[in-house]
Amino acid sequence: MGSRIIRSGIIAAALALIPCAPVLAAVDPMIAASTGKGEWVTWGGDAGFQRYSPLDQINAGNVKTLRIAWRAPLLPGPDGRPTLFSEATPLMVGGVLYLPNGANQITAIDPGSGKTLWTFTPPPSGAVGRREGGRFYRSLAYWTDGKQARLFEHGDGRLMSIDAATGKIDPAFGKDGQI
């Protein structure tokens, strides 16, 4: 009996959220519009975290013909050892692929050629007892006001703001670009 009530409550909550989907997309029109252009501007793809892309250039009929066009090198971890795999979700915004990489680093890549545009390496934190970079982290956050764009990185307990065009830390954010 108790599980039926819980199940009914979960179903009711899910149904109640369905009308919210258009509102979530309206929260940030840039995020809503970008998904249809093949961009992936949040960790979950879009404002609703659907993890779905409507692109259809690759399909069941041609997937077997795909070949590797380029590979992005994984940077060393905080201990200097090579990073053997990545658990991160890259972001694709404005024709640039932003890859969380190595020891809290970010690499901006031209997705057509695989060419590295810039790599951001965070300054040492200087905090006693804080790791100078986690072994793995999942993703970045992207923000824009239409004039400037920022990536936010948080891998070692600090929140850092990085200029998405240059890969330089944003000195106007917090203290020296970090909080």
Foldseek 3Di string as FASTA:
>chain_A
DVVVVVVVVVVVVVVVCVVCVVVQCVVDVVQNVVLQVVWQQDLLRGSVSVVDGPDDPDDPVCVVVDDDQDDAAAAAALVRHGQPDAQADWGAPPQWTWDQHHFQKIWIARVVRRDTPDMAQDDAPPDPPWRSGDSYDYYWHWDDPVPWIWIWTQGTNKTFTAGPVRRHTDCVPDHHGID
